[in-house]
Amino acid sequence: MHEMGKVLVIMGILIAVVGGLLWAGVGRGLLGRLPGDIQYARGNVRFFFPLMTCILLSLVLSLLLWLLRKF
């Protein structure tokens, strides 16, 4: 149980830090506007699929979870 508590505290701190950064506006111009994000607009139709943003977030979260599993 001691290890589970440590993991929960670390994840809570990380969530708070990321939330604070997003609240402050850090990354506002970066996420969702990466090369490879699909945007289509014609007339009344707008389609947006952040493909590269999803891949980047997946890589970062996978690395983070892998590091947490090592400890």
PDB file of N, CA and C in Angstrom:
ATOM      1  N   MET A   1       0.810  -1.205   0.000  1.00  0.00           N
ATOM      2  CA  MET A   1       0.000   0.000   0.000  1.00  0.00           C
ATOM      3  C   MET A   1       0.851   1.266   0.000  1.00  0.00           C
ATOM      4  N   HIS A   2       2.044   1.168   0.580  1.00  0.00           N
ATOM      5  CA  HIS A   2       2.915   2.340   0.642  1.00  0.00           C
ATOM      6  C   HIS A   2       3.275   2.833  -0.756  1.00  0.00           C
ATOM      7  N   GLU A   3       3.551   1.916  -1.683  1.00  0.00           N
ATOM      8  CA  GLU A   3       3.909   2.281  -3.055  1.00  0.00           C
ATOM      9  C   GLU A   3       2.742   2.944  -3.777  1.00  0.00           C
ATOM     10  N   MET A   4       1.521   2.448  -3.538  1.00  0.00           N
ATOM     11  CA  MET A   4       0.341   3.025  -4.179  1.00  0.00           C
ATOM     12  C   MET A   4       0.139   4.470  -3.724  1.00  0.00           C
ATOM     13  N   GLY A   5       0.385   4.734  -2.456  1.00  0.00           N
ATOM     14  CA  GLY A   5       0.269   6.098  -1.942  1.00  0.00           C
ATOM     15  C   GLY A   5       1.266   7.034  -2.580  1.00  0.00           C
ATOM     16  N   LYS A   6       2.493   6.547  -2.775  1.00  0.00           N
ATOM     17  CA  LYS A   6       3.526   7.368  -3.409  1.00  0.00           C
ATOM     18  C   LYS A   6       3.148   7.693  -4.851  1.00  0.00           C
ATOM     19  N   VAL A   7       2.636   6.699  -5.559  1.00  0.00           N
ATOM     20  CA  VAL A   7       2.235   6.912  -6.954  1.00  0.00           C
ATOM     21  C   VAL A   7       1.083   7.907  -7.031  1.00  0.00           C
ATOM     22  N   LEU A   8       0.116   7.805  -6.148  1.00  0.00           N
ATOM     23  CA  LEU A   8      -1.016   8.727  -6.157  1.00  0.00           C
ATOM     24  C   LEU A   8      -0.587  10.160  -5.849  1.00  0.00           C
ATOM     25  N   VAL A   9       0.339  10.330  -4.923  1.00  0.00           N
ATOM     26  CA  VAL A   9       0.843  11.669  -4.602  1.00  0.00           C
ATOM     27  C   VAL A   9       1.589  12.259  -5.793  1.00  0.00           C
ATOM     28  N   ILE A  10       2.439  11.475  -6.430  1.00  0.00           N
ATOM     29  CA  ILE A  10       3.201  11.958  -7.593  1.00  0.00           C
ATOM     30  C   ILE A  10       2.254  12.325  -8.733  1.00  0.00           C
ATOM     31  N   MET A  11       1.266  11.477  -9.000  1.00  0.00           N
ATOM     32  CA  MET A  11       0.319  11.784 -10.074  1.00  0.00           C
ATOM     33  C   MET A  11      -0.501  13.030  -9.741  1.00  0.00           C
ATOM     34  N   GLY A  12      -0.870  13.200  -8.485  1.00  0.00           N
ATOM     35  CA  GLY A  12      -1.607  14.394  -8.078  1.00  0.00           C
ATOM     36  C   GLY A  12      -0.800  15.664  -8.274  1.00  0.00           C
ATOM     37  N   ILE A  13       0.463  15.607  -7.919  1.00  0.00           N
ATOM     38  CA  ILE A  13       1.339  16.768  -8.114  1.00  0.00           C
ATOM     39  C   ILE A  13       1.499  17.073  -9.594  1.00  0.00           C
ATOM     40  N   LEU A  14       1.688  16.039 -10.421  1.00  0.00           N
ATOM     41  CA  LEU A  14       1.824  16.251 -11.861  1.00  0.00           C
ATOM     42  C   LEU A  14       0.557  16.850 -12.463  1.00  0.00           C
ATOM     43  N   ILE A  15      -0.588  16.356 -12.045  1.00  0.00           N
ATOM     44  CA  ILE A  15      -1.850  16.897 -12.551  1.00  0.00           C
ATOM     45  C   ILE A  15      -2.005  18.357 -12.142  1.00  0.00           C
ATOM     46  N   ALA A  16      -1.633  18.691 -10.903  1.00  0.00           N
ATOM     47  CA  ALA A  16      -1.722  20.075 -10.444  1.00  0.00           C
ATOM     48  C   ALA A  16      -0.782  20.985 -11.224  1.00  0.00           C
ATOM     49  N   VAL A  17       0.435  20.510 -11.497  1.00  0.00           N
ATOM     50  CA  VAL A  17       1.405  21.317 -12.258  1.00  0.00           C
ATOM     51  C   VAL A  17       0.912  21.542 -13.686  1.00  0.00           C
ATOM     52  N   VAL A  18       0.458  20.480 -14.336  1.00  0.00           N
ATOM     53  CA  VAL A  18      -0.043  20.611 -15.713  1.00  0.00           C
ATOM     54  C   VAL A  18      -1.271  21.515 -15.741  1.00  0.00           C
ATOM     55  N   GLY A  19      -2.157  21.360 -14.774  1.00  0.00           N
ATOM     56  CA  GLY A  19      -3.333  22.224 -14.702  1.00  0.00           C
ATOM     57  C   GLY A  19      -2.958  23.683 -14.513  1.00  0.00           C
ATOM     58  N   GLY A  20      -1.978  23.937 -13.654  1.00  0.00           N
ATOM     59  CA  GLY A  20      -1.515  25.311 -13.448  1.00  0.00           C
ATOM     60  C   GLY A  20      -0.898  25.902 -14.705  1.00  0.00           C
ATOM     61  N   LEU A  21      -0.121  25.108 -15.415  1.00  0.00           N
ATOM     62  CA  LEU A  21       0.478  25.599 -16.662  1.00  0.00           C
ATOM     63  C   LEU A  21      -0.584  25.899 -17.710  1.00  0.00           C
ATOM     64  N   LEU A  22      -1.568  25.009 -17.833  1.00  0.00           N
ATOM     65  CA  LEU A  22      -2.637  25.251 -18.801  1.00  0.00           C
ATOM     66  C   LEU A  22      -3.491  26.454 -18.407  1.00  0.00           C
ATOM     67  N   TRP A  23      -3.704  26.630 -17.116  1.00  0.00           N
ATOM     68  CA  TRP A  23      -4.479  27.769 -16.637  1.00  0.00           C
ATOM     69  C   TRP A  23      -3.739  29.076 -16.916  1.00  0.00           C
ATOM     70  N   ALA A  24      -2.413  29.037 -16.818  1.00  0.00           N
ATOM     71  CA  ALA A  24      -1.601  30.223 -17.071  1.00  0.00           C
ATOM     72  C   ALA A  24      -1.478  30.532 -18.564  1.00  0.00           C
ATOM     73  N   GLY A  25      -1.866  29.594 -19.417  1.00  0.00           N
ATOM     74  CA  GLY A  25      -1.827  29.848 -20.851  1.00  0.00           C
ATOM     75  C   GLY A  25      -0.608  29.276 -21.546  1.00  0.00           C
ATOM     76  N   VAL A  26       0.227  28.541 -20.838  1.00  0.00           N
ATOM     77  CA  VAL A  26       1.405  27.938 -21.461  1.00  0.00           C
ATOM     78  C   VAL A  26       0.948  26.848 -22.422  1.00  0.00           C
ATOM     79  N   GLY A  27       1.432  26.877 -23.625  1.00  0.00           N
ATOM     80  CA  GLY A  27       1.078  25.874 -24.614  1.00  0.00           C
ATOM     81  C   GLY A  27      -0.186  26.193 -25.394  1.00  0.00           C
ATOM     82  N   ARG A  28      -0.756  27.352 -25.155  1.00  0.00           N
ATOM     83  CA  ARG A  28      -2.002  27.719 -25.834  1.00  0.00           C
ATOM     84  C   ARG A  28      -1.842  27.754 -27.350  1.00  0.00           C
ATOM     85  N   GLY A  29      -0.722  28.222 -27.825  1.00  0.00           N
ATOM     86  CA  GLY A  29      -0.525  28.314 -29.260  1.00  0.00           C
ATOM     87  C   GLY A  29       0.068  27.061 -29.883  1.00  0.00           C
ATOM     88  N   LEU A  30       0.511  26.112 -29.052  1.00  0.00           N
ATOM     89  CA  LEU A  30       1.203  24.942 -29.579  1.00  0.00           C
ATOM     90  C   LEU A  30       0.259  23.766 -29.802  1.00  0.00           C
ATOM     91  N   LEU A  31      -0.424  23.340 -28.772  1.00  0.00           N
ATOM     92  CA  LEU A  31      -1.277  22.160 -28.894  1.00  0.00           C
ATOM     93  C   LEU A  31      -2.461  22.440 -29.805  1.00  0.00           C
ATOM     94  N   GLY A  32      -2.692  21.536 -30.717  1.00  0.00           N
ATOM     95  CA  GLY A  32      -3.789  21.693 -31.663  1.00  0.00           C
ATOM     96  C   GLY A  32      -3.400  22.398 -32.947  1.00  0.00           C
ATOM     97  N   ARG A  33      -2.186  22.883 -33.001  1.00  0.00           N
ATOM     98  CA  ARG A  33      -1.717  23.590 -34.201  1.00  0.00           C
ATOM     99  C   ARG A  33      -0.384  23.030 -34.712  1.00  0.00           C
ATOM    100  N   LEU A  34      -0.126  21.779 -34.411  1.00  0.00           N
ATOM    101  CA  LEU A  34       1.122  21.162 -34.855  1.00  0.00           C
ATOM    102  C   LEU A  34       1.036  20.772 -36.329  1.00  0.00           C
ATOM    103  N   PRO A  35       2.179  20.702 -37.009  1.00  0.00           N
ATOM    104  CA  PRO A  35       2.152  20.182 -38.379  1.00  0.00           C
ATOM    105  C   PRO A  35       1.657  18.734 -38.352  1.00  0.00           C
ATOM    106  N   GLY A  36       0.703  18.423 -39.164  1.00  0.00           N
ATOM    107  CA  GLY A  36       0.119  17.095 -39.175  1.00  0.00           C
ATOM    108  C   GLY A  36      -1.284  17.060 -38.590  1.00  0.00           C
ATOM    109  N   ASP A  37      -1.685  18.126 -37.903  1.00  0.00           N
ATOM    110  CA  ASP A  37      -3.067  18.238 -37.443  1.00  0.00           C
ATOM    111  C   ASP A  37      -3.938  18.567 -38.644  1.00  0.00           C
ATOM    112  N   ILE A  38      -5.032  17.858 -38.784  1.00  0.00           N
ATOM    113  CA  ILE A  38      -5.886  17.977 -39.966  1.00  0.00           C
ATOM    114  C   ILE A  38      -6.949  19.031 -39.716  1.00  0.00           C
ATOM    115  N   GLN A  39      -7.004  20.032 -40.601  1.00  0.00           N
ATOM    116  CA  GLN A  39      -8.016  21.077 -40.534  1.00  0.00           C
ATOM    117  C   GLN A  39      -8.644  21.232 -41.914  1.00  0.00           C
ATOM    118  N   TYR A  40      -9.965  21.255 -41.940  1.00  0.00           N
ATOM    119  CA  TYR A  40     -10.686  21.414 -43.200  1.00  0.00           C
ATOM    120  C   TYR A  40     -11.835  22.377 -42.963  1.00  0.00           C
ATOM    121  N   ALA A  41     -11.927  23.391 -43.794  1.00  0.00           N
ATOM    122  CA  ALA A  41     -13.019  24.359 -43.675  1.00  0.00           C
ATOM    123  C   ALA A  41     -13.472  24.752 -45.071  1.00  0.00           C
ATOM    124  N   ARG A  42     -14.762  24.624 -45.304  1.00  0.00           N
ATOM    125  CA  ARG A  42     -15.349  25.049 -46.568  1.00  0.00           C
ATOM    126  C   ARG A  42     -16.802  25.422 -46.295  1.00  0.00           C
ATOM    127  N   GLY A  43     -17.124  26.669 -46.540  1.00  0.00           N
ATOM    128  CA  GLY A  43     -18.490  27.119 -46.314  1.00  0.00           C
ATOM    129  C   GLY A  43     -18.885  26.987 -44.849  1.00  0.00           C
ATOM    130  N   ASN A  44     -19.963  26.257 -44.599  1.00  0.00           N
ATOM    131  CA  ASN A  44     -20.459  26.047 -43.244  1.00  0.00           C
ATOM    132  C   ASN A  44     -19.817  24.866 -42.543  1.00  0.00           C
ATOM    133  N   VAL A  45     -19.003  24.108 -43.225  1.00  0.00           N
ATOM    134  CA  VAL A  45     -18.444  22.878 -42.688  1.00  0.00           C
ATOM    135  C   VAL A  45     -17.024  23.128 -42.184  1.00  0.00           C
ATOM    136  N   ARG A  46     -16.779  22.757 -40.931  1.00  0.00           N
ATOM    137  CA  ARG A  46     -15.437  22.826 -40.363  1.00  0.00           C
ATOM    138  C   ARG A  46     -15.129  21.489 -39.721  1.00  0.00           C
ATOM    139  N   PHE A  47     -13.968  20.941 -40.048  1.00  0.00           N
ATOM    140  CA  PHE A  47     -13.535  19.667 -39.485  1.00  0.00           C
ATOM    141  C   PHE A  47     -12.117  19.838 -38.965  1.00  0.00           C
ATOM    142  N   PHE A  48     -11.890  19.380 -37.762  1.00  0.00           N
ATOM    143  CA  PHE A  48     -10.573  19.488 -37.154  1.00  0.00           C
ATOM    144  C   PHE A  48     -10.258  18.187 -36.441  1.00  0.00           C
ATOM    145  N   PHE A  49      -9.120  17.573 -36.770  1.00  0.00           N
ATOM    146  CA  PHE A  49      -8.665  16.368 -36.089  1.00  0.00           C
ATOM    147  C   PHE A  49      -7.195  16.547 -35.738  1.00  0.00           C
ATOM    148  N   PRO A  50      -6.879  16.704 -34.451  1.00  0.00           N
ATOM    149  CA  PRO A  50      -5.490  16.956 -34.024  1.00  0.00           C
ATOM    150  C   PRO A  50      -4.663  15.678 -33.990  1.00  0.00           C
ATOM    151  N   LEU A  51      -4.327  15.139 -35.138  1.00  0.00           N
ATOM    152  CA  LEU A  51      -3.626  13.861 -35.234  1.00  0.00           C
ATOM    153  C   LEU A  51      -2.258  13.897 -34.549  1.00  0.00           C
ATOM    154  N   MET A  52      -1.418  14.834 -34.902  1.00  0.00           N
ATOM    155  CA  MET A  52      -0.072  14.907 -34.320  1.00  0.00           C
ATOM    156  C   MET A  52      -0.120  15.258 -32.835  1.00  0.00           C
ATOM    157  N   THR A  53      -1.076  16.074 -32.437  1.00  0.00           N
ATOM    158  CA  THR A  53      -1.232  16.389 -31.024  1.00  0.00           C
ATOM    159  C   THR A  53      -1.580  15.131 -30.234  1.00  0.00           C
ATOM    160  N   CYS A  54      -2.459  14.296 -30.776  1.00  0.00           N
ATOM    161  CA  CYS A  54      -2.823  13.035 -30.116  1.00  0.00           C
ATOM    162  C   CYS A  54      -1.626  12.104 -30.025  1.00  0.00           C
ATOM    163  N   ILE A  55      -0.835  12.026 -31.078  1.00  0.00           N
ATOM    164  CA  ILE A  55       0.351  11.164 -31.068  1.00  0.00           C
ATOM    165  C   ILE A  55       1.369  11.668 -30.050  1.00  0.00           C
ATOM    166  N   LEU A  56       1.593  12.967 -30.013  1.00  0.00           N
ATOM    167  CA  LEU A  56       2.543  13.548 -29.071  1.00  0.00           C
ATOM    168  C   LEU A  56       2.092  13.315 -27.628  1.00  0.00           C
ATOM    169  N   LEU A  57       0.819  13.548 -27.331  1.00  0.00           N
ATOM    170  CA  LEU A  57       0.315  13.314 -25.987  1.00  0.00           C
ATOM    171  C   LEU A  57       0.396  11.845 -25.603  1.00  0.00           C
ATOM    172  N   SER A  58       0.145  10.966 -26.551  1.00  0.00           N
ATOM    173  CA  SER A  58       0.242   9.539 -26.292  1.00  0.00           C
ATOM    174  C   SER A  58       1.676   9.147 -25.941  1.00  0.00           C
ATOM    175  N   LEU A  59       2.646   9.674 -26.665  1.00  0.00           N
ATOM    176  CA  LEU A  59       4.048   9.379 -26.376  1.00  0.00           C
ATOM    177  C   LEU A  59       4.462   9.898 -25.005  1.00  0.00           C
ATOM    178  N   VAL A  60       4.055  11.115 -24.676  1.00  0.00           N
ATOM    179  CA  VAL A  60       4.417  11.704 -23.386  1.00  0.00           C
ATOM    180  C   VAL A  60       3.778  10.917 -22.243  1.00  0.00           C
ATOM    181  N   LEU A  61       2.506  10.579 -22.367  1.00  0.00           N
ATOM    182  CA  LEU A  61       1.840   9.815 -21.311  1.00  0.00           C
ATOM    183  C   LEU A  61       2.407   8.409 -21.192  1.00  0.00           C
ATOM    184  N   SER A  62       2.740   7.786 -22.306  1.00  0.00           N
ATOM    185  CA  SER A  62       3.348   6.452 -22.253  1.00  0.00           C
ATOM    186  C   SER A  62       4.699   6.497 -21.547  1.00  0.00           C
ATOM    187  N   LEU A  63       5.505   7.489 -21.840  1.00  0.00           N
ATOM    188  CA  LEU A  63       6.798   7.641 -21.186  1.00  0.00           C
ATOM    189  C   LEU A  63       6.611   7.897 -19.692  1.00  0.00           C
ATOM    190  N   LEU A  64       5.673   8.747 -19.347  1.00  0.00           N
ATOM    191  CA  LEU A  64       5.409   9.057 -17.947  1.00  0.00           C
ATOM    192  C   LEU A  64       4.958   7.814 -17.178  1.00  0.00           C
ATOM    193  N   LEU A  65       4.046   7.057 -17.733  1.00  0.00           N
ATOM    194  CA  LEU A  65       3.572   5.846 -17.068  1.00  0.00           C
ATOM    195  C   LEU A  65       4.673   4.789 -16.988  1.00  0.00           C
ATOM    196  N   TRP A  66       5.516   4.713 -17.992  1.00  0.00           N
ATOM    197  CA  TRP A  66       6.636   3.776 -17.950  1.00  0.00           C
ATOM    198  C   TRP A  66       7.602   4.160 -16.830  1.00  0.00           C
ATOM    199  N   LEU A  67       7.876   5.465 -16.690  1.00  0.00           N
ATOM    200  CA  LEU A  67       8.758   5.910 -15.616  1.00  0.00           C
ATOM    201  C   LEU A  67       8.152   5.661 -14.244  1.00  0.00           C
ATOM    202  N   LEU A  68       6.847   5.877 -14.100  1.00  0.00           N
ATOM    203  CA  LEU A  68       6.180   5.629 -12.824  1.00  0.00           C
ATOM    204  C   LEU A  68       6.195   4.145 -12.473  1.00  0.00           C
ATOM    205  N   ARG A  69       6.111   3.293 -13.455  1.00  0.00           N
ATOM    206  CA  ARG A  69       6.113   1.864 -13.205  1.00  0.00           C
ATOM    207  C   ARG A  69       7.488   1.378 -12.740  1.00  0.00           C
ATOM    208  N   LYS A  70       8.545   2.082 -13.144  1.00  0.00           N
ATOM    209  CA  LYS A  70       9.903   1.704 -12.749  1.00  0.00           C
ATOM    210  C   LYS A  70      10.145   1.970 -11.257  1.00  0.00           C
ATOM    211  N   PHE A  71       9.435   2.934 -10.666  1.00  0.00           N
ATOM    212  CA  PHE A  71       9.674   3.297  -9.254  1.00  0.00           C
ATOM    213  C   PHE A  71       8.744   2.552  -8.382  1.00  0.00           C
TER     214      PHE A  71
END
